[in-house]
Amino acid sequence: MDIESLTGQVKAVVAGQLALTSDDPAVDAAGESILAALDPALKQMGTALAEQAAAEVAAQLTDHAIDVVLRDGEPYLVARSTGENVTISHDDLGARITVRLPEDLKRDLENAASDTGDSVNTFVVKAIAGKTKARNRRSRTTFKGMIET
């Protein structure tokens, strides 16, 4: 993410608005002070947005962990495999549910199962198990790492 250019755009808009307000040097000085004070807050907001994006991506990629890392002061999202392959026990597959699907979704489901080499049943059970694991993980989300300022 390029937080520096985004903060620069916000500061340029604020500076443009301040330029329209007055030709008074005192107002100009106050505006410069406001812009200087905004810089750390804008950078912190950018990092917070990166953390929110990481949480959203992690919720969708259940077999990956998404980390926010800083490189040269800029936050980047890094995806890494958790190595948690979803496995299911075929010993107790007695529970049944009926799901009504649109025909096109059913075709997509059959194609996806075929692409992975699973039956439709196994594919669906793995998908549900993965989502359930991700939901349980998300409820205890913690941030690990170091934040440089």
C-alpha atoms as a PDB file:
ATOM      1  CA  MET A   1       0.000   0.000   0.000  1.00  0.00           C
ATOM      2  CA  ASP A   2       1.214   3.456  -0.747  1.00  0.00           C
ATOM      3  CA  ILE A   3       0.133   5.390   2.334  1.00  0.00           C
ATOM      4  CA  GLU A   4       2.512   8.262   1.582  1.00  0.00           C
ATOM      5  CA  SER A   5       0.833   9.160  -1.726  1.00  0.00           C
ATOM      6  CA  LEU A   6      -2.624   8.843  -0.179  1.00  0.00           C
ATOM      7  CA  THR A   7      -1.739  11.122   2.722  1.00  0.00           C
ATOM      8  CA  GLY A   8      -0.218  13.522   0.196  1.00  0.00           C
ATOM      9  CA  GLN A   9      -3.510  13.618  -1.719  1.00  0.00           C
ATOM     10  CA  VAL A  10      -5.504  14.376   1.432  1.00  0.00           C
ATOM     11  CA  LYS A  11      -3.043  17.075   2.469  1.00  0.00           C
ATOM     12  CA  ALA A  12      -3.200  18.617  -1.024  1.00  0.00           C
ATOM     13  CA  VAL A  13      -6.997  18.832  -0.844  1.00  0.00           C
ATOM     14  CA  VAL A  14      -6.859  20.417   2.623  1.00  0.00           C
ATOM     15  CA  ALA A  15      -4.155  22.860   1.466  1.00  0.00           C
ATOM     16  CA  GLY A  16      -6.313  23.768  -1.541  1.00  0.00           C
ATOM     17  CA  GLN A  17      -9.270  24.510   0.699  1.00  0.00           C
ATOM     18  CA  LEU A  18      -7.108  26.584   3.035  1.00  0.00           C
ATOM     19  CA  ALA A  19      -5.769  28.580   0.086  1.00  0.00           C
ATOM     20  CA  LEU A  20      -9.329  29.567  -0.818  1.00  0.00           C
ATOM     21  CA  THR A  21     -10.145  30.838   2.663  1.00  0.00           C
ATOM     22  CA  SER A  22      -7.946  33.854   3.060  1.00  0.00           C
ATOM     23  CA  ASP A  23      -4.760  35.715   2.222  1.00  0.00           C
ATOM     24  CA  ASP A  24      -4.091  36.194   5.922  1.00  0.00           C
ATOM     25  CA  PRO A  25      -0.595  34.924   6.934  1.00  0.00           C
ATOM     26  CA  ALA A  26      -1.937  33.873  10.344  1.00  0.00           C
ATOM     27  CA  VAL A  27      -4.554  31.627   8.688  1.00  0.00           C
ATOM     28  CA  ASP A  28      -1.871  30.216   6.384  1.00  0.00           C
ATOM     29  CA  ALA A  29       0.364  29.439   9.384  1.00  0.00           C
ATOM     30  CA  ALA A  30      -2.542  27.779  11.216  1.00  0.00           C
ATOM     31  CA  GLY A  31      -3.295  25.730   8.108  1.00  0.00           C
ATOM     32  CA  GLU A  32       0.309  24.554   7.883  1.00  0.00           C
ATOM     33  CA  SER A  33       0.159  23.539  11.546  1.00  0.00           C
ATOM     34  CA  ILE A  34      -3.042  21.577  10.928  1.00  0.00           C
ATOM     35  CA  LEU A  35      -1.484  19.809   7.939  1.00  0.00           C
ATOM     36  CA  ALA A  36       1.587  18.883   9.967  1.00  0.00           C
ATOM     37  CA  ALA A  37      -0.620  17.523  12.751  1.00  0.00           C
ATOM     38  CA  LEU A  38      -2.698  15.499  10.292  1.00  0.00           C
ATOM     39  CA  ASP A  39       0.260  13.530   8.921  1.00  0.00           C
ATOM     40  CA  PRO A  40       0.671  10.985  11.768  1.00  0.00           C
ATOM     41  CA  ALA A  41      -3.095  10.517  12.078  1.00  0.00           C
ATOM     42  CA  LEU A  42      -3.426   9.857   8.344  1.00  0.00           C
ATOM     43  CA  LYS A  43      -0.583   7.314   8.432  1.00  0.00           C
ATOM     44  CA  GLN A  44      -2.179   5.582  11.420  1.00  0.00           C
ATOM     45  CA  MET A  45      -5.503   5.499   9.573  1.00  0.00           C
ATOM     46  CA  GLY A  46      -3.805   3.920   6.555  1.00  0.00           C
ATOM     47  CA  THR A  47      -2.291   1.220   8.729  1.00  0.00           C
ATOM     48  CA  ALA A  48      -5.680   0.595  10.386  1.00  0.00           C
ATOM     49  CA  LEU A  49      -7.252   0.214   6.938  1.00  0.00           C
ATOM     50  CA  ALA A  50      -4.530  -2.292   6.013  1.00  0.00           C
ATOM     51  CA  GLU A  51      -5.335  -4.279   9.173  1.00  0.00           C
ATOM     52  CA  GLN A  52      -9.047  -4.262   8.298  1.00  0.00           C
ATOM     53  CA  ALA A  53      -8.251  -5.410   4.770  1.00  0.00           C
ATOM     54  CA  ALA A  54      -6.090  -8.223   6.176  1.00  0.00           C
ATOM     55  CA  ALA A  55      -8.940  -9.377   8.424  1.00  0.00           C
ATOM     56  CA  GLU A  56     -11.377  -9.358   5.509  1.00  0.00           C
ATOM     57  CA  VAL A  57      -9.025 -11.284   3.222  1.00  0.00           C
ATOM     58  CA  ALA A  58      -8.233 -13.778   6.016  1.00  0.00           C
ATOM     59  CA  ALA A  59     -11.949 -14.426   6.467  1.00  0.00           C
ATOM     60  CA  GLN A  60     -12.210 -15.315   2.781  1.00  0.00           C
ATOM     61  CA  LEU A  61      -8.974 -17.323   2.500  1.00  0.00           C
ATOM     62  CA  THR A  62      -9.556 -19.820   5.264  1.00  0.00           C
ATOM     63  CA  ASP A  63      -6.371 -21.782   4.580  1.00  0.00           C
ATOM     64  CA  HIS A  64      -4.122 -18.707   4.760  1.00  0.00           C
ATOM     65  CA  ALA A  65      -3.047 -16.263   7.430  1.00  0.00           C
ATOM     66  CA  ILE A  66      -2.806 -12.645   6.325  1.00  0.00           C
ATOM     67  CA  ASP A  67      -0.182 -10.511   8.021  1.00  0.00           C
ATOM     68  CA  VAL A  68       0.328  -6.768   7.854  1.00  0.00           C
ATOM     69  CA  VAL A  69       4.049  -6.058   7.601  1.00  0.00           C
ATOM     70  CA  LEU A  70       5.870  -2.768   7.267  1.00  0.00           C
ATOM     71  CA  ARG A  71       8.417  -2.257   4.526  1.00  0.00           C
ATOM     72  CA  ASP A  72      10.085   1.129   4.434  1.00  0.00           C
ATOM     73  CA  GLY A  73       7.315   2.459   6.671  1.00  0.00           C
ATOM     74  CA  GLU A  74       4.527   1.294   4.342  1.00  0.00           C
ATOM     75  CA  PRO A  75       2.093  -1.495   5.305  1.00  0.00           C
ATOM     76  CA  TYR A  76       1.870  -4.536   3.034  1.00  0.00           C
ATOM     77  CA  LEU A  77      -0.390  -7.560   3.217  1.00  0.00           C
ATOM     78  CA  VAL A  78       1.396 -10.901   3.156  1.00  0.00           C
ATOM     79  CA  ALA A  79      -0.527 -14.153   2.704  1.00  0.00           C
ATOM     80  CA  ARG A  80       0.980 -17.346   4.040  1.00  0.00           C
ATOM     81  CA  SER A  81      -0.405 -20.825   4.075  1.00  0.00           C
ATOM     82  CA  THR A  82      -1.368 -21.996   7.530  1.00  0.00           C
ATOM     83  CA  GLY A  83      -0.790 -25.606   6.561  1.00  0.00           C
ATOM     84  CA  GLU A  84      -4.201 -26.389   7.981  1.00  0.00           C
ATOM     85  CA  ASN A  85      -5.701 -28.597   5.330  1.00  0.00           C
ATOM     86  CA  VAL A  86      -9.274 -29.372   6.139  1.00  0.00           C
ATOM     87  CA  THR A  87      -9.698 -33.088   6.755  1.00  0.00           C
ATOM     88  CA  ILE A  88     -12.929 -34.848   7.415  1.00  0.00           C
ATOM     89  CA  SER A  89     -13.627 -38.157   9.050  1.00  0.00           C
ATOM     90  CA  HIS A  90     -15.557 -40.496   6.784  1.00  0.00           C
ATOM     91  CA  ASP A  91     -16.452 -42.693   9.788  1.00  0.00           C
ATOM     92  CA  ASP A  92     -19.478 -40.694  10.906  1.00  0.00           C
ATOM     93  CA  LEU A  93     -21.233 -39.118   7.950  1.00  0.00           C
ATOM     94  CA  GLY A  94     -24.738 -39.836   9.194  1.00  0.00           C
ATOM     95  CA  ALA A  95     -26.110 -36.302   9.401  1.00  0.00           C
ATOM     96  CA  ARG A  96     -27.962 -35.081   6.333  1.00  0.00           C
ATOM     97  CA  ILE A  97     -29.201 -31.724   5.124  1.00  0.00           C
ATOM     98  CA  THR A  98     -31.057 -30.723   1.994  1.00  0.00           C
ATOM     99  CA  VAL A  99     -29.893 -27.591   0.201  1.00  0.00           C
ATOM    100  CA  ARG A 100     -31.759 -26.030  -2.694  1.00  0.00           C
ATOM    101  CA  LEU A 101     -29.420 -24.421  -5.215  1.00  0.00           C
ATOM    102  CA  PRO A 102     -29.845 -22.559  -8.469  1.00  0.00           C
ATOM    103  CA  GLU A 103     -28.865 -24.775 -11.423  1.00  0.00           C
ATOM    104  CA  ASP A 104     -25.873 -22.593 -12.361  1.00  0.00           C
ATOM    105  CA  LEU A 105     -24.503 -22.737  -8.797  1.00  0.00           C
ATOM    106  CA  LYS A 106     -24.945 -26.514  -8.778  1.00  0.00           C
ATOM    107  CA  ARG A 107     -22.941 -26.755 -12.026  1.00  0.00           C
ATOM    108  CA  ASP A 108     -20.223 -24.499 -10.563  1.00  0.00           C
ATOM    109  CA  LEU A 109     -20.136 -26.661  -7.443  1.00  0.00           C
ATOM    110  CA  GLU A 110     -19.816 -29.859  -9.488  1.00  0.00           C
ATOM    111  CA  ASN A 111     -17.035 -28.321 -11.592  1.00  0.00           C
ATOM    112  CA  ALA A 112     -15.153 -27.082  -8.516  1.00  0.00           C
ATOM    113  CA  ALA A 113     -15.411 -30.503  -6.866  1.00  0.00           C
ATOM    114  CA  SER A 114     -14.218 -32.169 -10.048  1.00  0.00           C
ATOM    115  CA  ASP A 115     -11.260 -29.772 -10.305  1.00  0.00           C
ATOM    116  CA  THR A 116     -10.117 -30.740  -6.804  1.00  0.00           C
ATOM    117  CA  GLY A 117     -10.705 -34.444  -7.354  1.00  0.00           C
ATOM    118  CA  ASP A 118     -13.379 -34.625  -4.655  1.00  0.00           C
ATOM    119  CA  SER A 119     -16.962 -35.754  -4.783  1.00  0.00           C
ATOM    120  CA  VAL A 120     -19.518 -32.972  -4.468  1.00  0.00           C
ATOM    121  CA  ASN A 121     -20.346 -34.200  -0.959  1.00  0.00           C
ATOM    122  CA  THR A 122     -16.695 -34.176   0.160  1.00  0.00           C
ATOM    123  CA  PHE A 123     -16.130 -30.770  -1.448  1.00  0.00           C
ATOM    124  CA  VAL A 124     -19.149 -29.274   0.368  1.00  0.00           C
ATOM    125  CA  VAL A 125     -18.206 -30.841   3.717  1.00  0.00           C
ATOM    126  CA  LYS A 126     -14.621 -29.494   3.404  1.00  0.00           C
ATOM    127  CA  ALA A 127     -15.912 -26.039   2.473  1.00  0.00           C
ATOM    128  CA  ILE A 128     -18.276 -25.957   5.446  1.00  0.00           C
ATOM    129  CA  ALA A 129     -15.568 -27.257   7.790  1.00  0.00           C
ATOM    130  CA  GLY A 130     -13.113 -24.624   6.504  1.00  0.00           C
ATOM    131  CA  LYS A 131     -15.612 -21.800   6.978  1.00  0.00           C
ATOM    132  CA  THR A 132     -16.447 -23.035  10.467  1.00  0.00           C
ATOM    133  CA  LYS A 133     -12.757 -23.178  11.416  1.00  0.00           C
ATOM    134  CA  ALA A 134     -12.210 -19.671   9.985  1.00  0.00           C
ATOM    135  CA  ARG A 135     -15.166 -18.320  11.954  1.00  0.00           C
ATOM    136  CA  ASN A 136     -13.844 -19.840  15.161  1.00  0.00           C
ATOM    137  CA  ARG A 137     -10.361 -18.430  14.452  1.00  0.00           C
ATOM    138  CA  ARG A 138     -11.748 -14.981  13.655  1.00  0.00           C
ATOM    139  CA  SER A 139     -13.565 -14.779  16.986  1.00  0.00           C
ATOM    140  CA  ARG A 140     -10.165 -14.941  18.753  1.00  0.00           C
ATOM    141  CA  THR A 141      -8.174 -12.771  16.356  1.00  0.00           C
ATOM    142  CA  THR A 142      -5.012 -11.308  17.800  1.00  0.00           C
ATOM    143  CA  PHE A 143      -2.270  -9.246  16.270  1.00  0.00           C
ATOM    144  CA  LYS A 144       1.216 -10.679  16.480  1.00  0.00           C
ATOM    145  CA  GLY A 145       4.253  -8.699  15.509  1.00  0.00           C
ATOM    146  CA  MET A 146       5.891  -5.372  15.959  1.00  0.00           C
ATOM    147  CA  ILE A 147       4.613  -1.982  14.877  1.00  0.00           C
ATOM    148  CA  GLU A 148       7.242   0.511  13.883  1.00  0.00           C
ATOM    149  CA  THR A 149       6.422   4.199  14.089  1.00  0.00           C
END
